[in-house]
């Protein structure tokens, strides 16, 4: 059964979090590395980047800038993730 989203924004957020998880694996970046860059705890980074569940917290613009930098996101990746 296909996943149902509340709206197109939730679908885009889900896509970002999935991209993020895959990019962390390919770049070999750990949550501890990101926690240091974001000046947060590892568990806070985990909550911000969960793909699903009820304990997700919001990502800020500052968080996105740091995540894109730390994961060496390409311009194409950033554009596709941020454009509706």
N, C-alpha and C. Protein backbone atom coordinates (compact mmCIF):
# COMPACT_ATOMS: atom_id res chain seq x y z
N UNK A 1 0.85 -1.18 0.00
CA UNK A 1 0.00 0.00 0.00
C UNK A 1 0.90 1.24 0.00
N UNK A 2 0.61 2.20 -0.87
CA UNK A 2 1.44 3.41 -0.93
C UNK A 2 1.27 4.30 0.29
N UNK A 3 2.31 5.03 0.60
CA UNK A 3 2.27 5.95 1.73
C UNK A 3 1.37 7.13 1.40
N UNK A 4 0.57 7.53 2.36
CA UNK A 4 -0.33 8.67 2.19
C UNK A 4 0.20 9.82 3.04
N UNK A 5 0.29 11.01 2.44
CA UNK A 5 0.81 12.19 3.11
C UNK A 5 -0.32 13.16 3.38
N UNK A 6 -0.20 13.92 4.46
CA UNK A 6 -1.23 14.91 4.81
C UNK A 6 -1.32 15.99 3.72
N UNK A 7 -0.17 16.39 3.19
CA UNK A 7 -0.14 17.39 2.12
C UNK A 7 1.20 17.30 1.39
N UNK A 8 1.37 18.13 0.38
CA UNK A 8 2.60 18.07 -0.43
C UNK A 8 3.83 18.47 0.38
N UNK A 9 3.64 19.26 1.43
CA UNK A 9 4.76 19.67 2.26
C UNK A 9 5.28 18.51 3.10
N UNK A 10 4.37 17.73 3.66
CA UNK A 10 4.78 16.55 4.42
C UNK A 10 5.52 15.56 3.52
N UNK A 11 5.07 15.43 2.28
CA UNK A 11 5.74 14.55 1.33
C UNK A 11 7.17 15.02 1.06
N UNK A 12 7.35 16.32 0.90
CA UNK A 12 8.67 16.89 0.64
C UNK A 12 9.59 16.73 1.86
N UNK A 13 9.04 16.93 3.05
CA UNK A 13 9.82 16.76 4.28
C UNK A 13 10.26 15.31 4.43
N UNK A 14 9.37 14.39 4.14
CA UNK A 14 9.71 12.97 4.20
C UNK A 14 10.83 12.65 3.21
N UNK A 15 10.74 13.22 2.00
CA UNK A 15 11.78 13.01 0.98
C UNK A 15 13.12 13.56 1.45
N UNK A 16 13.11 14.72 2.11
CA UNK A 16 14.36 15.29 2.62
C UNK A 16 14.99 14.37 3.66
N UNK A 17 14.19 13.92 4.59
CA UNK A 17 14.72 13.07 5.66
C UNK A 17 15.27 11.76 5.12
N UNK A 18 14.62 11.21 4.09
CA UNK A 18 15.13 9.99 3.46
C UNK A 18 16.45 10.28 2.74
N UNK A 19 16.52 11.39 2.00
CA UNK A 19 17.76 11.78 1.33
C UNK A 19 18.87 11.95 2.36
N UNK A 20 18.54 12.61 3.46
CA UNK A 20 19.52 12.87 4.51
C UNK A 20 20.12 11.57 5.04
N UNK A 21 19.27 10.60 5.32
CA UNK A 21 19.76 9.32 5.85
C UNK A 21 20.71 8.64 4.88
N UNK A 22 20.34 8.62 3.61
CA UNK A 22 21.20 8.01 2.60
C UNK A 22 22.50 8.76 2.41
N UNK A 23 22.44 10.07 2.43
CA UNK A 23 23.64 10.89 2.24
C UNK A 23 24.61 10.71 3.42
N UNK A 24 24.08 10.60 4.62
CA UNK A 24 24.94 10.35 5.78
C UNK A 24 25.71 9.05 5.61
N UNK A 25 25.03 8.02 5.13
CA UNK A 25 25.70 6.74 4.92
C UNK A 25 26.77 6.83 3.84
N UNK A 26 26.46 7.48 2.71
CA UNK A 26 27.43 7.54 1.63
C UNK A 26 28.62 8.44 1.97
N UNK A 27 28.39 9.50 2.74
CA UNK A 27 29.47 10.41 3.12
C UNK A 27 30.16 9.97 4.41
N UNK A 28 29.64 8.90 5.04
CA UNK A 28 30.17 8.39 6.31
C UNK A 28 30.20 9.47 7.38
N UNK A 29 29.10 10.20 7.48
CA UNK A 29 28.94 11.24 8.50
C UNK A 29 28.02 10.68 9.58
N UNK A 30 28.47 10.75 10.82
CA UNK A 30 27.68 10.22 11.93
C UNK A 30 26.83 11.32 12.57
N UNK A 31 25.87 10.90 13.36
CA UNK A 31 25.06 11.87 14.09
C UNK A 31 25.93 12.63 15.09
N UNK A 32 26.94 11.99 15.61
CA UNK A 32 27.86 12.68 16.52
C UNK A 32 28.59 13.81 15.81
N UNK A 33 29.01 13.56 14.56
CA UNK A 33 29.67 14.60 13.76
C UNK A 33 28.72 15.78 13.55
N UNK A 34 27.49 15.47 13.19
CA UNK A 34 26.50 16.53 12.94
C UNK A 34 26.14 17.26 14.23
N UNK A 35 26.07 16.52 15.33
CA UNK A 35 25.75 17.14 16.61
C UNK A 35 26.79 18.19 16.97
N UNK A 36 28.04 17.87 16.72
CA UNK A 36 29.11 18.83 17.00
C UNK A 36 28.98 20.06 16.11
N UNK A 37 28.68 19.85 14.83
CA UNK A 37 28.54 20.98 13.91
C UNK A 37 27.33 21.85 14.25
N UNK A 38 26.25 21.21 14.71
CA UNK A 38 25.02 21.93 15.03
C UNK A 38 24.99 22.44 16.47
N UNK A 39 25.98 22.04 17.25
CA UNK A 39 26.05 22.40 18.66
C UNK A 39 24.82 21.87 19.42
N UNK A 40 24.53 20.60 19.16
CA UNK A 40 23.42 19.90 19.80
C UNK A 40 23.91 18.56 20.32
N UNK A 41 23.04 17.86 21.01
CA UNK A 41 23.37 16.50 21.42
C UNK A 41 23.05 15.55 20.27
N UNK A 42 23.61 14.36 20.34
CA UNK A 42 23.35 13.36 19.31
C UNK A 42 21.87 13.01 19.28
N UNK A 43 21.22 12.92 20.43
CA UNK A 43 19.80 12.56 20.46
C UNK A 43 18.93 13.66 19.84
N UNK A 44 19.33 14.93 19.99
CA UNK A 44 18.59 16.03 19.37
C UNK A 44 18.69 15.95 17.85
N UNK A 45 19.87 15.60 17.34
CA UNK A 45 20.05 15.44 15.90
C UNK A 45 19.19 14.27 15.42
N UNK A 46 19.15 13.22 16.17
CA UNK A 46 18.34 12.06 15.81
C UNK A 46 16.86 12.44 15.68
N UNK A 47 16.36 13.19 16.64
CA UNK A 47 14.95 13.62 16.60
C UNK A 47 14.67 14.54 15.41
N UNK A 48 15.62 15.39 15.07
CA UNK A 48 15.43 16.32 13.94
C UNK A 48 15.42 15.59 12.60
N UNK A 49 16.08 14.47 12.53
CA UNK A 49 16.27 13.81 11.23
C UNK A 49 15.54 12.48 11.11
N UNK A 50 14.69 12.13 12.04
CA UNK A 50 13.93 10.89 11.95
C UNK A 50 13.06 10.91 10.70
N UNK A 51 13.02 9.79 10.01
CA UNK A 51 12.20 9.68 8.81
C UNK A 51 10.73 9.52 9.19
N UNK A 52 10.46 8.81 10.25
CA UNK A 52 9.07 8.63 10.68
C UNK A 52 9.02 8.53 12.19
N UNK A 53 7.83 8.66 12.71
CA UNK A 53 7.64 8.57 14.15
C UNK A 53 7.03 9.84 14.72
N UNK A 54 6.71 9.80 15.98
CA UNK A 54 6.02 10.90 16.64
C UNK A 54 6.96 11.86 17.37
N UNK A 55 8.25 11.57 17.38
CA UNK A 55 9.17 12.37 18.17
C UNK A 55 10.05 13.27 17.32
N UNK A 56 9.63 13.54 16.08
CA UNK A 56 10.40 14.42 15.21
C UNK A 56 10.32 15.86 15.74
N UNK A 57 11.43 16.58 15.61
CA UNK A 57 11.42 18.01 15.94
C UNK A 57 11.71 18.79 14.67
N UNK A 58 11.46 20.06 14.70
CA UNK A 58 11.58 20.91 13.50
C UNK A 58 13.04 21.16 13.14
N UNK A 59 13.27 21.25 11.83
CA UNK A 59 14.56 21.68 11.31
C UNK A 59 14.48 23.17 11.03
N UNK A 60 15.47 23.93 11.46
CA UNK A 60 15.50 25.36 11.19
C UNK A 60 16.31 25.61 9.91
N UNK A 61 16.23 26.82 9.41
CA UNK A 61 17.02 27.21 8.25
C UNK A 61 18.51 27.05 8.56
N UNK A 62 18.91 27.43 9.75
CA UNK A 62 20.30 27.28 10.18
C UNK A 62 20.71 25.81 10.14
N UNK A 63 19.83 24.94 10.64
CA UNK A 63 20.11 23.50 10.62
C UNK A 63 20.33 23.02 9.19
N UNK A 64 19.46 23.45 8.28
CA UNK A 64 19.59 23.04 6.89
C UNK A 64 20.91 23.49 6.27
N UNK A 65 21.28 24.74 6.53
CA UNK A 65 22.54 25.24 5.98
C UNK A 65 23.71 24.40 6.46
N UNK A 66 23.73 24.07 7.73
CA UNK A 66 24.82 23.27 8.29
C UNK A 66 24.78 21.85 7.74
N UNK A 67 23.60 21.26 7.68
CA UNK A 67 23.49 19.89 7.17
C UNK A 67 23.95 19.80 5.72
N UNK A 68 23.52 20.73 4.89
CA UNK A 68 23.95 20.72 3.50
C UNK A 68 25.46 20.86 3.38
N UNK A 69 26.04 21.71 4.20
CA UNK A 69 27.50 21.91 4.17
C UNK A 69 28.22 20.64 4.62
N UNK A 70 27.80 20.08 5.73
CA UNK A 70 28.47 18.90 6.30
C UNK A 70 28.34 17.67 5.39
N UNK A 71 27.24 17.58 4.64
CA UNK A 71 27.01 16.42 3.78
C UNK A 71 27.46 16.65 2.34
N UNK A 72 28.10 17.81 2.09
CA UNK A 72 28.58 18.13 0.74
C UNK A 72 27.47 18.01 -0.30
N UNK A 73 26.31 18.57 0.02
CA UNK A 73 25.16 18.51 -0.89
C UNK A 73 25.46 19.33 -2.14
N UNK A 74 25.09 18.79 -3.27
CA UNK A 74 25.28 19.50 -4.53
C UNK A 74 24.18 20.54 -4.70
N UNK A 75 24.41 21.49 -5.59
CA UNK A 75 23.39 22.49 -5.88
C UNK A 75 22.10 21.83 -6.40
N UNK A 76 22.25 20.80 -7.21
CA UNK A 76 21.09 20.09 -7.75
C UNK A 76 20.29 19.42 -6.65
N UNK A 77 20.99 18.80 -5.69
CA UNK A 77 20.29 18.16 -4.57
C UNK A 77 19.54 19.19 -3.74
N UNK A 78 20.20 20.28 -3.44
CA UNK A 78 19.56 21.33 -2.63
C UNK A 78 18.33 21.87 -3.34
N UNK A 79 18.46 22.15 -4.62
CA UNK A 79 17.34 22.69 -5.36
C UNK A 79 16.17 21.71 -5.41
N UNK A 80 16.44 20.45 -5.68
CA UNK A 80 15.35 19.48 -5.78
C UNK A 80 14.67 19.27 -4.42
N UNK A 81 15.42 19.37 -3.34
CA UNK A 81 14.84 19.17 -2.01
C UNK A 81 14.06 20.38 -1.51
N UNK A 82 14.44 21.57 -1.94
CA UNK A 82 13.83 22.78 -1.40
C UNK A 82 12.76 23.39 -2.29
N UNK A 83 12.65 22.92 -3.51
CA UNK A 83 11.68 23.50 -4.44
C UNK A 83 10.43 22.63 -4.50
N UNK A 84 9.28 23.27 -4.45
CA UNK A 84 8.02 22.53 -4.51
C UNK A 84 7.68 22.18 -5.93
